[in-house]
N, C-alpha and C. Protein backbone atom coordinates (compact mmCIF):
# COMPACT_ATOMS: atom_id res chain seq x y z
N MET A 1 5.30 -1.97 -9.89
CA MET A 1 6.39 -2.21 -10.74
C MET A 1 7.37 -1.08 -10.48
N PHE A 2 8.65 -0.91 -10.23
CA PHE A 2 9.47 0.40 -9.89
C PHE A 2 10.25 0.92 -11.49
N GLN A 3 10.26 1.91 -11.92
CA GLN A 3 11.03 2.66 -13.16
C GLN A 3 12.06 3.27 -12.52
N ASP A 4 13.07 3.55 -13.02
CA ASP A 4 13.74 4.63 -12.75
C ASP A 4 13.77 5.70 -13.06
N ARG A 5 14.36 7.33 -12.99
CA ARG A 5 14.08 8.37 -13.75
C ARG A 5 13.23 8.38 -15.75
N SER A 6 14.24 7.50 -16.05
CA SER A 6 14.13 7.05 -17.32
C SER A 6 12.92 6.12 -18.22
N GLY A 7 11.99 6.07 -17.49
CA GLY A 7 11.15 4.72 -17.32
C GLY A 7 11.71 3.30 -17.45
N THR A 8 12.62 3.24 -17.52
CA THR A 8 13.61 1.72 -17.48
C THR A 8 12.82 0.51 -15.88
N VAL A 9 11.79 -0.45 -16.09
CA VAL A 9 11.43 -1.26 -14.93
C VAL A 9 13.02 -1.69 -14.58
N ILE A 10 13.08 -1.39 -13.41
CA ILE A 10 14.62 -1.58 -12.63
C ILE A 10 13.83 -3.05 -11.66
N LYS A 11 12.19 -2.91 -11.46
CA LYS A 11 11.82 -4.07 -10.66
C LYS A 11 10.26 -4.24 -10.61
N ARG A 12 10.11 -5.41 -10.38
CA ARG A 12 8.79 -5.99 -10.49
C ARG A 12 8.12 -6.90 -8.88
N PHE A 13 7.00 -6.71 -8.90
CA PHE A 13 6.66 -7.76 -8.43
C PHE A 13 4.90 -8.65 -7.94
N THR A 14 4.86 -9.10 -7.50
CA THR A 14 3.92 -9.75 -7.26
C THR A 14 3.13 -9.82 -5.56
N VAL A 15 2.17 -9.58 -5.39
CA VAL A 15 1.50 -9.04 -3.72
C VAL A 15 0.34 -10.35 -4.26
N VAL A 16 0.11 -10.90 -2.64
CA VAL A 16 -0.50 -11.88 -2.44
C VAL A 16 -1.58 -10.94 -1.17
N MET A 17 -2.46 -11.32 -1.04
CA MET A 17 -3.60 -10.08 -0.30
C MET A 17 -5.36 -10.97 0.93
N GLN A 18 -4.21 -10.65 1.46
CA GLN A 18 -5.73 -11.09 2.99
C GLN A 18 -6.54 -9.68 3.83
N CYS A 19 -7.67 -9.77 3.89
CA CYS A 19 -8.39 -8.68 4.44
C CYS A 19 -9.24 -9.99 5.56
N SER A 20 -9.41 -8.32 6.30
CA SER A 20 -11.12 -9.46 7.48
C SER A 20 -11.08 -7.95 8.10
N TRP A 21 -12.81 -8.44 8.67
CA TRP A 21 -12.99 -7.31 8.88
C TRP A 21 -13.92 -7.42 10.39
N LYS A 22 -13.77 -6.73 11.27
CA LYS A 22 -14.11 -6.69 12.85
C LYS A 22 -14.13 -5.55 13.49
N ASP A 23 -15.54 -5.69 14.10
CA ASP A 23 -15.93 -4.58 14.62
C ASP A 23 -16.08 -3.08 13.64
N GLY A 24 -16.07 -3.20 12.71
CA GLY A 24 -15.67 -1.97 12.42
C GLY A 24 -13.95 -1.64 11.78
N VAL A 25 -13.32 -2.69 12.00
CA VAL A 25 -12.26 -2.23 11.75
C VAL A 25 -11.38 -3.65 10.68
N GLY A 26 -10.97 -3.27 9.84
CA GLY A 26 -10.22 -4.17 9.07
C GLY A 26 -8.68 -4.23 8.78
N THR A 27 -8.29 -5.54 8.81
CA THR A 27 -6.95 -5.31 8.00
C THR A 27 -6.55 -6.30 7.09
N LEU A 28 -5.53 -5.77 6.57
CA LEU A 28 -5.18 -5.77 4.91
C LEU A 28 -3.37 -6.18 5.26
N ASP A 29 -3.42 -7.84 5.05
CA ASP A 29 -2.57 -8.30 5.11
C ASP A 29 -1.76 -8.61 3.88
N GLU A 30 -0.15 -7.97 3.24
CA GLU A 30 0.09 -8.00 1.93
C GLU A 30 1.28 -8.64 2.01
N ASP A 31 1.66 -9.14 1.00
CA ASP A 31 2.58 -10.53 1.29
C ASP A 31 3.49 -9.90 0.04
N PHE A 32 4.62 -9.40 -0.42
CA PHE A 32 4.93 -8.98 -1.63
C PHE A 32 6.01 -9.87 -1.56
N THR A 33 6.11 -9.94 -3.32
CA THR A 33 7.33 -11.01 -3.51
C THR A 33 7.92 -10.09 -5.11
N TYR A 34 9.50 -9.78 -5.29
CA TYR A 34 9.93 -8.62 -5.65
C TYR A 34 10.79 -9.68 -6.15
N SER A 35 11.11 -9.11 -8.21
CA SER A 35 11.66 -9.66 -9.02
C SER A 35 12.78 -9.94 -8.53
N ASP A 36 13.60 -9.76 -7.70
CA ASP A 36 15.50 -10.07 -7.33
C ASP A 36 14.82 -11.06 -6.38
N GLY A 37 14.12 -11.64 -6.11
CA GLY A 37 14.09 -12.09 -4.61
C GLY A 37 13.03 -11.83 -3.24
N THR A 38 13.56 -10.52 -3.43
CA THR A 38 12.88 -9.92 -1.70
C THR A 38 11.83 -10.38 -1.52
N LYS A 39 11.35 -10.47 -0.53
CA LYS A 39 10.38 -10.31 0.15
C LYS A 39 9.66 -9.23 1.74
N GLN A 40 8.50 -8.99 1.21
CA GLN A 40 8.13 -7.91 2.60
C GLN A 40 7.19 -7.80 2.00
N LYS A 41 6.40 -7.14 3.79
CA LYS A 41 4.93 -7.83 4.21
C LYS A 41 5.09 -6.35 4.72
N ARG A 42 3.45 -5.92 4.45
CA ARG A 42 2.62 -4.77 5.17
C ARG A 42 1.81 -5.26 5.97
N ILE A 43 1.10 -4.74 7.37
CA ILE A 43 0.01 -4.61 7.42
C ILE A 43 -0.67 -3.57 7.77
N TRP A 44 -2.50 -3.67 6.31
CA TRP A 44 -2.96 -2.41 7.04
C TRP A 44 -3.87 -2.55 7.82
N THR A 45 -4.46 -0.87 8.92
CA THR A 45 -5.43 -1.23 9.77
C THR A 45 -6.30 0.13 8.83
N LEU A 46 -7.38 -0.38 9.09
CA LEU A 46 -8.72 0.52 7.92
C LEU A 46 -9.67 0.32 8.81
N ARG A 47 -10.23 1.88 8.53
CA ARG A 47 -10.96 1.91 8.98
C ARG A 47 -11.95 3.20 8.05
N LYS A 48 -13.15 3.26 8.65
CA LYS A 48 -14.27 4.10 7.51
C LYS A 48 -14.81 4.82 8.43
N ASN A 49 -14.10 6.24 7.72
CA ASN A 49 -14.69 7.43 8.67
C ASN A 49 -16.05 7.98 8.26
N ALA A 50 -16.77 9.07 8.96
CA ALA A 50 -18.38 9.75 8.72
C ALA A 50 -18.60 9.65 7.74
N SER A 51 -17.45 10.27 6.47
CA SER A 51 -18.15 11.00 4.69
C SER A 51 -18.27 9.66 4.52
N GLY A 52 -17.77 8.62 5.08
CA GLY A 52 -17.17 7.61 3.83
C GLY A 52 -16.39 6.97 3.12
N HIS A 53 -15.39 7.86 3.80
CA HIS A 53 -13.44 7.44 3.60
C HIS A 53 -12.98 6.20 3.68
N TYR A 54 -12.30 5.63 3.04
CA TYR A 54 -11.44 4.53 4.03
C TYR A 54 -10.31 5.38 4.46
N ILE A 55 -9.84 5.09 5.59
CA ILE A 55 -8.54 5.86 6.38
C ILE A 55 -7.76 4.72 6.89
N GLY A 56 -6.60 4.57 5.93
CA GLY A 56 -5.44 3.24 6.36
C GLY A 56 -4.60 3.81 6.90
N THR A 57 -3.84 2.81 7.79
CA THR A 57 -2.48 3.55 8.62
C THR A 57 -1.47 1.78 7.98
N ALA A 58 -0.21 2.00 7.48
CA ALA A 58 0.46 0.80 7.89
C ALA A 58 2.05 0.95 8.42
N ASP A 59 2.49 0.87 9.27
CA ASP A 59 3.89 0.62 9.76
C ASP A 59 5.15 1.57 8.57
N ASP A 60 4.84 1.36 7.31
CA ASP A 60 5.62 2.18 6.46
C ASP A 60 4.85 3.66 5.75
N VAL A 61 3.99 3.66 6.17
CA VAL A 61 3.25 5.10 5.62
C VAL A 61 3.48 5.78 6.50
N MET A 62 3.52 7.39 5.19
CA MET A 62 4.23 8.34 6.65
C MET A 62 2.31 8.90 6.72
N GLY A 63 1.87 9.49 7.82
CA GLY A 63 0.64 9.71 8.03
C GLY A 63 -0.12 8.06 7.49
N GLU A 64 -2.03 9.12 7.03
CA GLU A 64 -2.57 8.45 6.53
C GLU A 64 -2.86 7.81 5.20
N ALA A 65 -2.60 6.98 4.94
CA ALA A 65 -3.76 6.55 3.16
C ALA A 65 -5.27 7.16 3.66
N ILE A 66 -5.95 7.36 2.50
CA ILE A 66 -7.33 7.61 2.42
C ILE A 66 -7.50 7.80 0.89
N GLY A 67 -8.73 6.62 0.88
CA GLY A 67 -8.92 5.78 -0.03
C GLY A 67 -10.86 6.13 0.20
N ILE A 68 -11.66 6.18 -1.15
CA ILE A 68 -12.89 5.86 -1.63
C ILE A 68 -13.07 4.99 -2.78
N THR A 69 -13.65 5.03 -2.26
CA THR A 69 -15.04 3.32 -3.45
C THR A 69 -16.06 3.55 -4.72
N ALA A 70 -15.60 2.79 -5.18
CA ALA A 70 -15.97 2.80 -6.35
C ALA A 70 -16.64 1.23 -7.01
N GLY A 71 -18.09 0.79 -6.62
CA GLY A 71 -18.18 -0.20 -6.50
C GLY A 71 -17.38 -1.55 -5.70
N ASN A 72 -17.06 -1.91 -6.82
CA ASN A 72 -15.82 -2.85 -5.31
C ASN A 72 -14.44 -2.72 -6.00
N ALA A 73 -14.45 -1.53 -5.99
CA ALA A 73 -12.53 -0.60 -5.74
C ALA A 73 -12.52 0.19 -5.20
N LEU A 74 -11.22 -0.03 -4.36
CA LEU A 74 -10.84 1.14 -3.27
C LEU A 74 -9.67 1.78 -3.86
N ASN A 75 -9.68 2.74 -4.09
CA ASN A 75 -8.29 3.58 -4.89
C ASN A 75 -8.22 4.85 -3.44
N TRP A 76 -7.22 4.74 -2.99
CA TRP A 76 -5.97 5.31 -2.03
C TRP A 76 -4.63 5.90 -2.42
N LYS A 77 -4.97 7.00 -1.65
CA LYS A 77 -3.41 7.80 -1.80
C LYS A 77 -2.42 8.19 -0.46
N TYR A 78 -1.54 7.35 -1.05
CA TYR A 78 -0.82 8.10 0.78
C TYR A 78 0.30 8.21 -0.03
N VAL A 79 1.25 8.17 1.08
CA VAL A 79 2.71 8.51 1.26
C VAL A 79 3.70 7.15 1.95
N LEU A 80 4.66 6.86 1.13
CA LEU A 80 5.14 4.58 1.92
C LEU A 80 6.64 5.80 1.17
N ALA A 81 7.15 5.32 3.10
CA ALA A 81 8.41 5.90 3.11
C ALA A 81 9.46 3.77 3.01
N LEU A 82 9.83 4.07 1.80
CA LEU A 82 10.73 3.05 0.83
C LEU A 82 12.25 3.54 1.59
N ARG A 83 12.55 1.47 2.02
CA ARG A 83 13.56 1.85 2.00
C ARG A 83 14.02 1.03 1.33
N TRP A 84 15.13 1.84 0.69
CA TRP A 84 16.17 1.51 -0.39
C TRP A 84 17.44 0.80 0.01
N THR A 85 18.27 1.78 0.44
CA THR A 85 19.41 1.32 1.07
C THR A 85 19.53 0.98 2.56
N ALA A 86 20.14 0.15 3.16
CA ALA A 86 20.03 0.39 4.56
C ALA A 86 20.91 1.77 5.16
N LYS A 87 20.62 2.23 4.37
CA LYS A 87 21.07 4.10 5.22
C LYS A 87 20.39 4.79 4.66
N PHE A 88 18.94 4.44 3.75
CA PHE A 88 18.77 5.82 2.93
C PHE A 88 17.16 4.63 2.43
N THR A 89 16.38 5.90 3.11
CA THR A 89 15.26 5.50 3.14
C THR A 89 14.27 6.79 2.21
N MET A 90 13.38 6.75 1.03
CA MET A 90 12.76 7.83 0.53
C MET A 90 11.63 7.29 0.33
N SER A 91 10.78 8.75 0.32
CA SER A 91 9.29 8.48 0.48
C SER A 91 8.56 9.45 -0.77
N ILE A 92 7.74 8.45 -1.24
CA ILE A 92 7.18 7.99 -3.11
C ILE A 92 5.59 8.22 -1.92
N SER A 93 4.69 9.55 -3.10
CA SER A 93 3.64 9.63 -2.88
C SER A 93 3.27 8.74 -3.70
N THR A 94 2.56 7.47 -3.67
CA THR A 94 1.47 7.37 -4.39
C THR A 94 0.15 7.10 -4.83
N THR A 95 -0.60 6.08 -5.24
CA THR A 95 -1.74 6.44 -5.74
C THR A 95 -2.35 4.40 -5.43
N GLY A 96 -2.93 3.97 -5.29
CA GLY A 96 -3.32 3.01 -5.11
C GLY A 96 -4.64 2.19 -6.26
N CYS A 97 -4.93 1.03 -6.35
CA CYS A 97 -6.40 0.77 -6.70
C CYS A 97 -6.56 -0.78 -6.58
N PHE A 98 -7.36 -1.39 -5.73
CA PHE A 98 -7.84 -2.00 -5.63
C PHE A 98 -9.14 -2.28 -6.05
N ASP A 99 -9.77 -4.20 -7.37
CA ASP A 99 -10.19 -3.75 -7.98
C ASP A 99 -10.85 -5.72 -7.12
N GLY A 100 -11.61 -5.66 -6.58
CA GLY A 100 -11.95 -7.09 -6.11
C GLY A 100 -13.20 -7.76 -6.71
């Protein structure tokens, strides 16, 4: 969900995710549907590094997402370039957690 500075929810979303792995490279395909009817797609490329962390990249992610697993959950941190209007993009730092 997205909130304004006062904590009021201004937009909610649902996401459908599909993930596959081939030769050590994962593809996470996300389809978002927002409460205002807009839709968005994000496709991640995932790799596990030598220290056991997961590294993810996507077109609207600034740099790399870095994640760690615990059981069947992935918790990662990244900076998202979020298009707010046709002329304005803001960067937000976020933490995501997937629990499968």
